[in-house]
Amino acid sequence: MSFTLLGSGASPFVRKVRAMIAEAGITDVPYEVVQTSPLGGEDRINTANPLGKIPALVRDNGPTVYDSRVITRFLDAQYDAGLYPEARLWEVLTLEATADGIMEAAIAIVYESRFRPAEIHFQPWLEGQWAKVSRALDAIEAQWMSHLAGPVDMGQVAVGCALGYLDLRHGDKAWREGRPALAAWFEGFSTRPSMQATRPE
């Protein structure tokens, strides 16, 4: 069985899968860059994933696996990576879902600014998306720091990628203010080889 990961650019969801692959020491999953847009992707990704979304994991013996959480669980099982430890599985999944929600809201803000004409930007909606990000960050600061300090799992990888995306696309929002523990954790986590190897250009 062989796999090919389809992704592109600065997507934090693609980075999450690539960082998971690096953390697991997986070396036989090639990465292929494709072009996508919320307005429609290229044929390569549309054929692999009818939703036209990345990441997508093309298999040589079955349907494409897509959605980053599905891909990471699939690869974790295939390679026995241990990034979804059974003893704290629901905590890992909840933290990963929180990080994914941060990414989704942050990307939605970018899309609103990039793909809708300025005269029809809806400011209350943009503010609502950032409020989701802020609440999630506050919750991680208040409730999840002990988990982040533990052995590396997919919850931590997802949070690292979410915070990296905030730095990349929303650096003016100063997400670190009022969250010193999370900021300090991210500074250390960012030095991991998996995070350094997947930093968006």
N, C-alpha and C. Protein backbone atom coordinates (compact mmCIF):
# COMPACT_ATOMS: atom_id res chain seq x y z
N MET A 1 0.84 -1.19 0.00
CA MET A 1 0.00 0.00 0.00
C MET A 1 0.88 1.24 0.00
N SER A 2 0.54 2.20 -0.85
CA SER A 2 1.30 3.45 -0.87
C SER A 2 0.33 4.63 -0.86
N PHE A 3 0.85 5.77 -0.42
CA PHE A 3 0.04 6.96 -0.25
C PHE A 3 0.76 8.17 -0.84
N THR A 4 -0.02 9.18 -1.25
CA THR A 4 0.52 10.48 -1.64
C THR A 4 -0.34 11.56 -0.99
N LEU A 5 0.31 12.48 -0.30
CA LEU A 5 -0.41 13.58 0.35
C LEU A 5 -0.50 14.76 -0.61
N LEU A 6 -1.72 15.23 -0.85
CA LEU A 6 -1.94 16.41 -1.67
C LEU A 6 -2.19 17.60 -0.74
N GLY A 7 -1.53 18.71 -1.02
CA GLY A 7 -1.71 19.90 -0.19
C GLY A 7 -1.11 21.09 -0.89
N SER A 8 -1.08 22.20 -0.18
CA SER A 8 -0.47 23.38 -0.77
C SER A 8 -0.21 24.45 0.28
N GLY A 9 0.77 25.25 -0.06
CA GLY A 9 1.04 26.53 0.57
C GLY A 9 0.94 26.59 2.08
N ALA A 10 0.15 27.57 2.51
CA ALA A 10 0.12 27.95 3.92
C ALA A 10 -1.01 27.29 4.69
N SER A 11 -1.71 26.32 4.12
CA SER A 11 -2.83 25.70 4.81
C SER A 11 -2.39 25.10 6.15
N PRO A 12 -2.98 25.54 7.26
CA PRO A 12 -2.60 24.95 8.54
C PRO A 12 -3.06 23.51 8.67
N PHE A 13 -4.10 23.13 7.95
CA PHE A 13 -4.56 21.74 7.99
C PHE A 13 -3.58 20.81 7.28
N VAL A 14 -3.03 21.28 6.17
CA VAL A 14 -1.98 20.51 5.50
C VAL A 14 -0.74 20.44 6.39
N ARG A 15 -0.40 21.56 6.99
CA ARG A 15 0.77 21.56 7.88
C ARG A 15 0.58 20.58 9.01
N LYS A 16 -0.63 20.50 9.55
CA LYS A 16 -0.89 19.57 10.66
C LYS A 16 -0.59 18.14 10.24
N VAL A 17 -1.03 17.75 9.06
CA VAL A 17 -0.76 16.39 8.59
C VAL A 17 0.74 16.19 8.36
N ARG A 18 1.38 17.17 7.74
CA ARG A 18 2.81 17.04 7.48
C ARG A 18 3.61 16.99 8.78
N ALA A 19 3.20 17.78 9.78
CA ALA A 19 3.89 17.75 11.06
C ALA A 19 3.67 16.42 11.76
N MET A 20 2.47 15.87 11.63
CA MET A 20 2.21 14.55 12.19
C MET A 20 3.11 13.50 11.55
N ILE A 21 3.23 13.57 10.23
CA ILE A 21 4.10 12.63 9.51
C ILE A 21 5.53 12.73 10.01
N ALA A 22 5.99 13.96 10.21
CA ALA A 22 7.35 14.17 10.72
C ALA A 22 7.50 13.66 12.15
N GLU A 23 6.52 13.95 13.00
CA GLU A 23 6.58 13.48 14.38
C GLU A 23 6.61 11.96 14.45
N ALA A 24 5.89 11.32 13.54
CA ALA A 24 5.81 9.86 13.55
C ALA A 24 7.02 9.20 12.88
N GLY A 25 7.87 10.00 12.26
CA GLY A 25 9.03 9.44 11.57
C GLY A 25 8.67 8.70 10.31
N ILE A 26 7.53 9.06 9.70
CA ILE A 26 7.09 8.42 8.46
C ILE A 26 7.87 9.02 7.29
N THR A 27 8.47 8.18 6.47
CA THR A 27 9.33 8.68 5.40
C THR A 27 8.87 8.27 4.00
N ASP A 28 7.78 7.51 3.92
CA ASP A 28 7.38 6.97 2.61
C ASP A 28 6.04 7.52 2.13
N VAL A 29 5.67 8.73 2.57
CA VAL A 29 4.46 9.38 2.08
C VAL A 29 4.87 10.66 1.36
N PRO A 30 4.98 10.63 0.03
CA PRO A 30 5.38 11.82 -0.71
C PRO A 30 4.32 12.92 -0.63
N TYR A 31 4.79 14.15 -0.78
CA TYR A 31 3.93 15.33 -0.69
C TYR A 31 3.88 16.00 -2.06
N GLU A 32 2.66 16.19 -2.56
CA GLU A 32 2.48 16.81 -3.87
C GLU A 32 1.68 18.11 -3.71
N VAL A 33 2.21 19.20 -4.25
CA VAL A 33 1.56 20.49 -4.15
C VAL A 33 0.51 20.64 -5.24
N VAL A 34 -0.70 21.04 -4.84
CA VAL A 34 -1.79 21.31 -5.79
C VAL A 34 -2.34 22.69 -5.49
N GLN A 35 -3.03 23.26 -6.45
CA GLN A 35 -3.60 24.59 -6.29
C GLN A 35 -5.09 24.46 -5.96
N THR A 36 -5.52 25.16 -4.90
CA THR A 36 -6.92 25.12 -4.50
C THR A 36 -7.41 26.53 -4.20
N SER A 37 -8.71 26.65 -4.15
CA SER A 37 -9.36 27.92 -3.84
C SER A 37 -10.77 27.60 -3.37
N PRO A 38 -11.35 28.43 -2.49
CA PRO A 38 -12.75 28.19 -2.12
C PRO A 38 -13.69 28.33 -3.31
N LEU A 39 -13.18 28.90 -4.39
CA LEU A 39 -13.97 29.04 -5.61
C LEU A 39 -13.79 27.87 -6.56
N GLY A 40 -12.90 26.92 -6.20
CA GLY A 40 -12.70 25.74 -7.03
C GLY A 40 -11.24 25.40 -7.19
N GLY A 41 -10.88 24.13 -7.05
CA GLY A 41 -9.50 23.71 -7.18
C GLY A 41 -9.21 23.18 -8.56
N GLU A 42 -7.97 22.72 -8.73
CA GLU A 42 -7.58 22.16 -10.02
C GLU A 42 -8.06 20.72 -10.12
N ASP A 43 -8.00 20.14 -11.32
CA ASP A 43 -8.55 18.82 -11.56
C ASP A 43 -7.92 17.76 -10.66
N ARG A 44 -6.64 17.90 -10.36
CA ARG A 44 -5.96 16.88 -9.56
C ARG A 44 -6.63 16.71 -8.20
N ILE A 45 -6.94 17.82 -7.52
CA ILE A 45 -7.56 17.70 -6.20
C ILE A 45 -9.04 17.42 -6.33
N ASN A 46 -9.71 17.99 -7.34
CA ASN A 46 -11.13 17.74 -7.50
C ASN A 46 -11.43 16.27 -7.80
N THR A 47 -10.52 15.62 -8.50
CA THR A 47 -10.67 14.20 -8.79
C THR A 47 -10.44 13.37 -7.54
N ALA A 48 -9.44 13.77 -6.76
CA ALA A 48 -9.12 13.01 -5.55
C ALA A 48 -10.18 13.21 -4.47
N ASN A 49 -10.62 14.44 -4.32
CA ASN A 49 -11.60 14.78 -3.29
C ASN A 49 -12.71 15.60 -3.95
N PRO A 50 -13.91 15.08 -4.07
CA PRO A 50 -14.97 15.82 -4.78
C PRO A 50 -15.29 17.16 -4.15
N LEU A 51 -14.91 17.36 -2.88
CA LEU A 51 -15.11 18.65 -2.24
C LEU A 51 -14.07 19.67 -2.67
N GLY A 52 -13.01 19.21 -3.34
CA GLY A 52 -11.97 20.12 -3.81
C GLY A 52 -11.14 20.72 -2.70
N LYS A 53 -11.05 20.03 -1.56
CA LYS A 53 -10.36 20.58 -0.39
C LYS A 53 -9.10 19.79 -0.07
N ILE A 54 -8.17 20.48 0.56
CA ILE A 54 -6.93 19.86 1.03
C ILE A 54 -6.90 19.91 2.55
N PRO A 55 -6.12 18.98 3.14
CA PRO A 55 -5.31 17.93 2.54
C PRO A 55 -6.15 16.74 2.09
N ALA A 56 -5.55 15.96 1.21
CA ALA A 56 -6.15 14.71 0.76
C ALA A 56 -5.05 13.68 0.65
N LEU A 57 -5.33 12.48 1.09
CA LEU A 57 -4.34 11.40 1.05
C LEU A 57 -4.80 10.37 0.03
N VAL A 58 -4.10 10.35 -1.10
CA VAL A 58 -4.44 9.43 -2.19
C VAL A 58 -3.83 8.06 -1.89
N ARG A 59 -4.67 7.03 -1.95
CA ARG A 59 -4.22 5.66 -1.72
C ARG A 59 -4.20 4.90 -3.04
N ASP A 60 -3.27 3.97 -3.17
CA ASP A 60 -3.19 3.20 -4.41
C ASP A 60 -4.16 2.03 -4.43
N ASN A 61 -4.81 1.76 -3.29
CA ASN A 61 -5.68 0.58 -3.24
C ASN A 61 -7.04 0.90 -2.64
N GLY A 62 -7.47 2.14 -2.70
CA GLY A 62 -8.77 2.48 -2.14
C GLY A 62 -9.08 3.95 -2.35
N PRO A 63 -10.26 4.38 -1.91
CA PRO A 63 -10.64 5.77 -2.08
C PRO A 63 -9.69 6.72 -1.33
N THR A 64 -9.61 7.94 -1.82
CA THR A 64 -8.82 8.97 -1.15
C THR A 64 -9.38 9.21 0.25
N VAL A 65 -8.47 9.40 1.20
CA VAL A 65 -8.84 9.76 2.56
C VAL A 65 -8.70 11.27 2.68
N TYR A 66 -9.73 11.97 3.16
CA TYR A 66 -9.61 13.42 3.31
C TYR A 66 -10.27 13.91 4.59
N ASP A 67 -9.99 15.18 4.88
CA ASP A 67 -10.19 15.86 6.15
C ASP A 67 -8.97 15.55 7.02
N SER A 68 -8.36 16.60 7.53
CA SER A 68 -7.07 16.42 8.21
C SER A 68 -7.18 15.47 9.40
N ARG A 69 -8.28 15.55 10.16
CA ARG A 69 -8.42 14.67 11.32
C ARG A 69 -8.58 13.22 10.91
N VAL A 70 -9.23 12.97 9.78
CA VAL A 70 -9.35 11.60 9.29
C VAL A 70 -7.99 11.09 8.82
N ILE A 71 -7.26 11.95 8.12
CA ILE A 71 -5.94 11.54 7.61
C ILE A 71 -4.99 11.22 8.74
N THR A 72 -4.95 12.09 9.76
CA THR A 72 -3.99 11.85 10.85
C THR A 72 -4.35 10.60 11.64
N ARG A 73 -5.64 10.36 11.86
CA ARG A 73 -6.03 9.13 12.54
C ARG A 73 -5.68 7.91 11.69
N PHE A 74 -5.91 8.01 10.39
CA PHE A 74 -5.61 6.91 9.49
C PHE A 74 -4.11 6.59 9.51
N LEU A 75 -3.28 7.62 9.35
CA LEU A 75 -1.84 7.39 9.34
C LEU A 75 -1.33 6.92 10.71
N ASP A 76 -1.90 7.46 11.76
CA ASP A 76 -1.51 7.02 13.10
C ASP A 76 -1.76 5.52 13.26
N ALA A 77 -2.91 5.06 12.74
CA ALA A 77 -3.22 3.63 12.83
C ALA A 77 -2.34 2.80 11.91
N GLN A 78 -2.10 3.29 10.70
CA GLN A 78 -1.30 2.54 9.74
C GLN A 78 0.13 2.35 10.22
N TYR A 79 0.68 3.38 10.85
CA TYR A 79 2.10 3.35 11.24
C TYR A 79 2.29 3.17 12.74
N ASP A 80 1.20 2.93 13.45
CA ASP A 80 1.28 2.72 14.91
C ASP A 80 2.10 3.83 15.57
N ALA A 81 1.74 5.08 15.25
CA ALA A 81 2.53 6.22 15.68
C ALA A 81 2.30 6.61 17.14
N GLY A 82 1.15 6.29 17.69
CA GLY A 82 0.90 6.58 19.09
C GLY A 82 0.57 8.02 19.41
N LEU A 83 0.17 8.78 18.42
CA LEU A 83 -0.16 10.19 18.65
C LEU A 83 -1.61 10.39 19.08
N TYR A 84 -2.38 9.30 19.12
CA TYR A 84 -3.72 9.31 19.70
C TYR A 84 -3.76 8.26 20.82
N PRO A 85 -3.06 8.51 21.91
CA PRO A 85 -2.98 7.49 22.97
C PRO A 85 -4.34 7.19 23.59
N GLU A 86 -4.63 5.95 23.74
CA GLU A 86 -5.95 5.52 24.22
C GLU A 86 -6.25 6.08 25.61
N ALA A 87 -5.24 6.19 26.46
CA ALA A 87 -5.46 6.61 27.84
C ALA A 87 -6.02 8.03 27.95
N ARG A 88 -5.73 8.86 26.97
CA ARG A 88 -6.25 10.23 26.99
C ARG A 88 -6.85 10.62 25.63
N LEU A 89 -7.47 9.64 24.98
CA LEU A 89 -7.94 9.84 23.62
C LEU A 89 -8.93 10.98 23.52
N TRP A 90 -9.90 11.06 24.42
CA TRP A 90 -10.95 12.07 24.28
C TRP A 90 -10.40 13.47 24.53
N GLU A 91 -9.41 13.58 25.40
CA GLU A 91 -8.76 14.87 25.59
C GLU A 91 -7.99 15.28 24.33
N VAL A 92 -7.28 14.32 23.74
CA VAL A 92 -6.53 14.62 22.51
C VAL A 92 -7.48 15.06 21.40
N LEU A 93 -8.56 14.33 21.22
CA LEU A 93 -9.50 14.66 20.16
C LEU A 93 -10.18 16.01 20.40
N THR A 94 -10.50 16.31 21.65
CA THR A 94 -11.14 17.59 21.96
C THR A 94 -10.18 18.74 21.73
N LEU A 95 -8.94 18.59 22.15
CA LEU A 95 -7.96 19.66 21.93
C LEU A 95 -7.70 19.84 20.44
N GLU A 96 -7.62 18.73 19.70
CA GLU A 96 -7.43 18.84 18.25
C GLU A 96 -8.62 19.54 17.60
N ALA A 97 -9.83 19.22 18.05
CA ALA A 97 -11.02 19.89 17.50
C ALA A 97 -11.00 21.38 17.82
N THR A 98 -10.53 21.73 19.00
CA THR A 98 -10.43 23.15 19.37
C THR A 98 -9.45 23.86 18.46
N ALA A 99 -8.31 23.24 18.23
CA ALA A 99 -7.30 23.84 17.34
C ALA A 99 -7.83 23.94 15.92
N ASP A 100 -8.53 22.91 15.46
CA ASP A 100 -9.10 22.95 14.11
C ASP A 100 -10.12 24.08 13.99
N GLY A 101 -10.90 24.29 15.05
CA GLY A 101 -11.86 25.39 15.04
C GLY A 101 -11.19 26.75 14.94
N ILE A 102 -10.05 26.89 15.61
CA ILE A 102 -9.27 28.13 15.49
C ILE A 102 -8.84 28.32 14.03
N MET A 103 -8.33 27.26 13.43
CA MET A 103 -7.90 27.35 12.04
C MET A 103 -9.06 27.72 11.13
N GLU A 104 -10.20 27.07 11.31
CA GLU A 104 -11.36 27.33 10.45
C GLU A 104 -11.80 28.79 10.53
N ALA A 105 -11.88 29.31 11.74
CA ALA A 105 -12.31 30.71 11.91
C ALA A 105 -11.27 31.66 11.33
N ALA A 106 -9.99 31.37 11.56
CA ALA A 106 -8.93 32.24 11.05
C ALA A 106 -8.90 32.23 9.53
N ILE A 107 -9.11 31.08 8.92
CA ILE A 107 -9.15 30.99 7.46
C ILE A 107 -10.39 31.71 6.92
N ALA A 108 -11.51 31.60 7.62
CA ALA A 108 -12.72 32.28 7.17
C ALA A 108 -12.51 33.79 7.09
N ILE A 109 -11.77 34.34 8.03
CA ILE A 109 -11.47 35.77 8.00
C ILE A 109 -10.64 36.11 6.76
N VAL A 110 -9.64 35.28 6.48
CA VAL A 110 -8.80 35.51 5.30
C VAL A 110 -9.64 35.44 4.03
N TYR A 111 -10.49 34.42 3.94
CA TYR A 111 -11.31 34.27 2.73
C TYR A 111 -12.25 35.46 2.54
N GLU A 112 -12.84 35.95 3.63
CA GLU A 112 -13.74 37.09 3.52
C GLU A 112 -13.02 38.29 2.93
N SER A 113 -11.78 38.49 3.37
CA SER A 113 -11.00 39.64 2.90
C SER A 113 -10.46 39.43 1.49
N ARG A 114 -10.18 38.18 1.15
CA ARG A 114 -9.50 37.91 -0.11
C ARG A 114 -10.45 37.69 -1.27
N PHE A 115 -11.62 37.11 -1.00
CA PHE A 115 -12.48 36.68 -2.09
C PHE A 115 -13.79 37.45 -2.21
N ARG A 116 -14.08 38.30 -1.25
CA ARG A 116 -15.29 39.12 -1.35
C ARG A 116 -14.89 40.57 -1.54
N PRO A 117 -15.57 41.29 -2.42
CA PRO A 117 -15.25 42.72 -2.61
C PRO A 117 -15.35 43.49 -1.29
N ALA A 118 -14.49 44.47 -1.14
CA ALA A 118 -14.41 45.21 0.12
C ALA A 118 -15.75 45.83 0.51
N GLU A 119 -16.53 46.25 -0.48
CA GLU A 119 -17.78 46.94 -0.18
C GLU A 119 -18.85 46.02 0.42
N ILE A 120 -18.65 44.71 0.34
CA ILE A 120 -19.63 43.81 0.94
C ILE A 120 -19.03 42.98 2.08
N HIS A 121 -17.86 43.37 2.58
CA HIS A 121 -17.34 42.73 3.79
C HIS A 121 -18.33 42.98 4.93
N PHE A 122 -18.60 41.95 5.71
CA PHE A 122 -19.55 42.07 6.82
C PHE A 122 -18.76 42.07 8.12
N GLN A 123 -18.52 43.24 8.65
CA GLN A 123 -17.66 43.39 9.81
C GLN A 123 -18.13 42.60 11.03
N PRO A 124 -19.42 42.59 11.35
CA PRO A 124 -19.85 41.78 12.51
C PRO A 124 -19.51 40.30 12.35
N TRP A 125 -19.58 39.80 11.13
CA TRP A 125 -19.22 38.39 10.90
C TRP A 125 -17.73 38.18 11.12
N LEU A 126 -16.90 39.10 10.62
CA LEU A 126 -15.46 39.00 10.83
C LEU A 126 -15.13 39.04 12.32
N GLU A 127 -15.77 39.93 13.03
CA GLU A 127 -15.53 40.04 14.47
C GLU A 127 -15.99 38.78 15.19
N GLY A 128 -17.07 38.20 14.72
CA GLY A 128 -17.55 36.97 15.32
C GLY A 128 -16.59 35.81 15.14
N GLN A 129 -15.95 35.75 13.97
CA GLN A 129 -14.95 34.71 13.73
C GLN A 129 -13.76 34.88 14.67
N TRP A 130 -13.31 36.12 14.82
CA TRP A 130 -12.16 36.33 15.72
C TRP A 130 -12.56 36.06 17.17
N ALA A 131 -13.80 36.31 17.52
CA ALA A 131 -14.25 36.01 18.88
C ALA A 131 -14.14 34.51 19.16
N LYS A 132 -14.43 33.69 18.16
CA LYS A 132 -14.26 32.24 18.33
C LYS A 132 -12.80 31.91 18.62
N VAL A 133 -11.91 32.52 17.85
CA VAL A 133 -10.48 32.29 18.06
C VAL A 133 -10.09 32.71 19.47
N SER A 134 -10.52 33.88 19.90
CA SER A 134 -10.14 34.40 21.21
C SER A 134 -10.65 33.50 22.34
N ARG A 135 -11.90 33.07 22.23
CA ARG A 135 -12.45 32.20 23.27
C ARG A 135 -11.69 30.88 23.34
N ALA A 136 -11.36 30.33 22.17
CA ALA A 136 -10.63 29.06 22.15
C ALA A 136 -9.24 29.22 22.76
N LEU A 137 -8.56 30.31 22.43
CA LEU A 137 -7.23 30.55 22.99
C LEU A 137 -7.31 30.73 24.51
N ASP A 138 -8.32 31.46 24.97
CA ASP A 138 -8.50 31.64 26.41
C ASP A 138 -8.75 30.31 27.10
N ALA A 139 -9.55 29.45 26.46
CA ALA A 139 -9.83 28.15 27.05
C ALA A 139 -8.56 27.29 27.13
N ILE A 140 -7.74 27.33 26.10
CA ILE A 140 -6.49 26.57 26.14
C ILE A 140 -5.58 27.10 27.25
N GLU A 141 -5.47 28.42 27.34
CA GLU A 141 -4.64 29.03 28.39
C GLU A 141 -5.13 28.63 29.78
N ALA A 142 -6.45 28.58 29.97
CA ALA A 142 -7.01 28.34 31.29
C ALA A 142 -7.10 26.86 31.65
N GLN A 143 -7.30 25.99 30.66
CA GLN A 143 -7.67 24.61 30.96
C GLN A 143 -6.74 23.53 30.41
N TRP A 144 -5.89 23.90 29.45
CA TRP A 144 -5.18 22.85 28.72
C TRP A 144 -3.66 22.88 28.85
N MET A 145 -3.13 23.76 29.67
CA MET A 145 -1.67 23.88 29.70
C MET A 145 -1.00 22.62 30.27
N SER A 146 -1.66 21.95 31.21
CA SER A 146 -1.05 20.72 31.74
C SER A 146 -0.98 19.65 30.66
N HIS A 147 -1.99 19.60 29.81
CA HIS A 147 -1.96 18.64 28.70
C HIS A 147 -0.86 19.01 27.71
N LEU A 148 -0.75 20.29 27.40
CA LEU A 148 0.29 20.72 26.45
C LEU A 148 1.69 20.42 26.99
N ALA A 149 1.82 20.35 28.30
CA ALA A 149 3.13 20.07 28.90
C ALA A 149 3.47 18.59 28.91
N GLY A 150 2.52 17.74 28.54
CA GLY A 150 2.73 16.30 28.58
C GLY A 150 3.38 15.77 27.31
N PRO A 151 3.39 14.45 27.16
CA PRO A 151 3.96 13.83 25.96
C PRO A 151 3.27 14.33 24.70
N VAL A 152 4.02 14.43 23.63
CA VAL A 152 3.49 14.98 22.38
C VAL A 152 2.40 14.07 21.81
N ASP A 153 1.29 14.69 21.43
CA ASP A 153 0.20 13.98 20.78
C ASP A 153 -0.40 14.88 19.72
N MET A 154 -1.47 14.42 19.06
CA MET A 154 -2.03 15.20 17.96
C MET A 154 -2.71 16.47 18.42
N GLY A 155 -3.19 16.51 19.65
CA GLY A 155 -3.74 17.75 20.17
C GLY A 155 -2.70 18.84 20.18
N GLN A 156 -1.51 18.51 20.65
CA GLN A 156 -0.43 19.49 20.69
C GLN A 156 0.01 19.90 19.28
N VAL A 157 0.15 18.94 18.40
CA VAL A 157 0.54 19.26 17.03
C VAL A 157 -0.46 20.21 16.39
N ALA A 158 -1.76 19.94 16.60
CA ALA A 158 -2.80 20.79 16.02
C ALA A 158 -2.74 22.20 16.59
N VAL A 159 -2.56 22.33 17.90
CA VAL A 159 -2.47 23.65 18.50
C VAL A 159 -1.26 24.40 17.96
N GLY A 160 -0.14 23.72 17.85
CA GLY A 160 1.05 24.37 17.30
C GLY A 160 0.82 24.90 15.90
N CYS A 161 0.13 24.13 15.07
CA CYS A 161 -0.13 24.56 13.69
C CYS A 161 -1.14 25.70 13.66
N ALA A 162 -2.13 25.67 14.55
CA ALA A 162 -3.11 26.75 14.62
C ALA A 162 -2.44 28.07 15.02
N LEU A 163 -1.59 28.02 16.02
CA LEU A 163 -0.91 29.24 16.46
C LEU A 163 0.05 29.75 15.39
N GLY A 164 0.70 28.83 14.70
CA GLY A 164 1.57 29.24 13.60
C GLY A 164 0.80 29.96 12.51
N TYR A 165 -0.42 29.50 12.25
CA TYR A 165 -1.24 30.16 11.23
C TYR A 165 -1.67 31.54 11.68
N LEU A 166 -1.97 31.70 12.96
CA LEU A 166 -2.31 33.03 13.47
C LEU A 166 -1.14 33.99 13.28
N ASP A 167 0.07 33.52 13.53
CA ASP A 167 1.25 34.37 13.29
C ASP A 167 1.39 34.71 11.82
N LEU A 168 1.10 33.75 10.96
CA LEU A 168 1.29 33.94 9.53
C LEU A 168 0.28 34.93 8.94
N ARG A 169 -0.99 34.76 9.30
CA ARG A 169 -2.05 35.54 8.64
C ARG A 169 -2.69 36.62 9.52
N HIS A 170 -2.49 36.53 10.82
CA HIS A 170 -3.16 37.47 11.72
C HIS A 170 -2.19 38.03 12.76
N GLY A 171 -0.99 38.32 12.31
CA GLY A 171 0.02 38.82 13.23
C GLY A 171 -0.35 40.12 13.91
N ASP A 172 -1.24 40.88 13.29
CA ASP A 172 -1.66 42.16 13.87
C ASP A 172 -2.64 41.98 15.02
N LYS A 173 -3.11 40.77 15.25
CA LYS A 173 -4.12 40.54 16.29
C LYS A 173 -3.51 40.33 17.68
N ALA A 174 -2.21 40.15 17.76
CA ALA A 174 -1.51 40.03 19.05
C ALA A 174 -2.15 38.96 19.94
N TRP A 175 -2.26 37.74 19.42
CA TRP A 175 -2.94 36.69 20.17
C TRP A 175 -2.22 36.33 21.47
N ARG A 176 -0.94 36.66 21.61
CA ARG A 176 -0.19 36.31 22.81
C ARG A 176 -0.58 37.14 24.03
N GLU A 177 -1.14 38.31 23.80
CA GLU A 177 -1.46 39.20 24.91
C GLU A 177 -2.48 38.54 25.85
N GLY A 178 -2.14 38.53 27.13
CA GLY A 178 -3.01 37.93 28.12
C GLY A 178 -2.94 36.42 28.19
N ARG A 179 -2.05 35.81 27.42
CA ARG A 179 -1.93 34.35 27.39
C ARG A 179 -0.45 33.96 27.49
N PRO A 180 0.19 34.31 28.59
CA PRO A 180 1.64 34.10 28.69
C PRO A 180 2.05 32.63 28.68
N ALA A 181 1.24 31.77 29.28
CA ALA A 181 1.61 30.35 29.33
C ALA A 181 1.55 29.73 27.93
N LEU A 182 0.51 30.04 27.20
CA LEU A 182 0.37 29.51 25.85
C LEU A 182 1.46 30.06 24.95
N ALA A 183 1.76 31.34 25.08
CA ALA A 183 2.82 31.95 24.27
C ALA A 183 4.16 31.29 24.55
N ALA A 184 4.45 31.03 25.82
CA ALA A 184 5.72 30.39 26.17
C ALA A 184 5.77 28.96 25.65
N TRP A 185 4.65 28.25 25.77
CA TRP A 185 4.62 26.88 25.25
C TRP A 185 4.88 26.87 23.74
N PHE A 186 4.24 27.77 23.02
CA PHE A 186 4.39 27.80 21.57
C PHE A 186 5.82 28.13 21.17
N GLU A 187 6.46 29.01 21.90
CA GLU A 187 7.85 29.34 21.59
C GLU A 187 8.71 28.10 21.65
N GLY A 188 8.49 27.27 22.67
CA GLY A 188 9.26 26.04 22.77
C GLY A 188 8.85 25.00 21.75
N PHE A 189 7.55 24.82 21.55
CA PHE A 189 7.07 23.80 20.63
C PHE A 189 7.49 24.10 19.20
N SER A 190 7.60 25.37 18.88
CA SER A 190 7.96 25.76 17.51
C SER A 190 9.37 25.33 17.12
N THR A 191 10.18 24.99 18.11
CA THR A 191 11.55 24.58 17.80
C THR A 191 11.65 23.09 17.45
N ARG A 192 10.55 22.36 17.62
CA ARG A 192 10.60 20.94 17.29
C ARG A 192 10.91 20.76 15.81
N PRO A 193 11.67 19.74 15.45
CA PRO A 193 12.00 19.52 14.03
C PRO A 193 10.77 19.44 13.13
N SER A 194 9.68 18.84 13.63
CA SER A 194 8.47 18.71 12.82
C SER A 194 7.89 20.08 12.48
N MET A 195 7.97 21.02 13.40
CA MET A 195 7.44 22.35 13.16
C MET A 195 8.37 23.17 12.28
N GLN A 196 9.66 23.01 12.50
CA GLN A 196 10.62 23.73 11.66
C GLN A 196 10.56 23.24 10.22
N ALA A 197 10.39 21.96 10.03
CA ALA A 197 10.39 21.40 8.68
C ALA A 197 9.14 21.76 7.89
N THR A 198 8.06 22.15 8.59
CA THR A 198 6.78 22.41 7.92
C THR A 198 6.40 23.88 7.96
N ARG A 199 7.28 24.74 8.37
CA ARG A 199 6.96 26.17 8.41
C ARG A 199 6.61 26.66 7.02
N PRO A 200 5.48 27.36 6.87
CA PRO A 200 5.14 27.88 5.53
C PRO A 200 6.11 28.95 5.10
N GLU A 201 6.41 28.98 3.82
CA GLU A 201 7.36 29.95 3.30
C GLU A 201 6.69 31.32 3.21
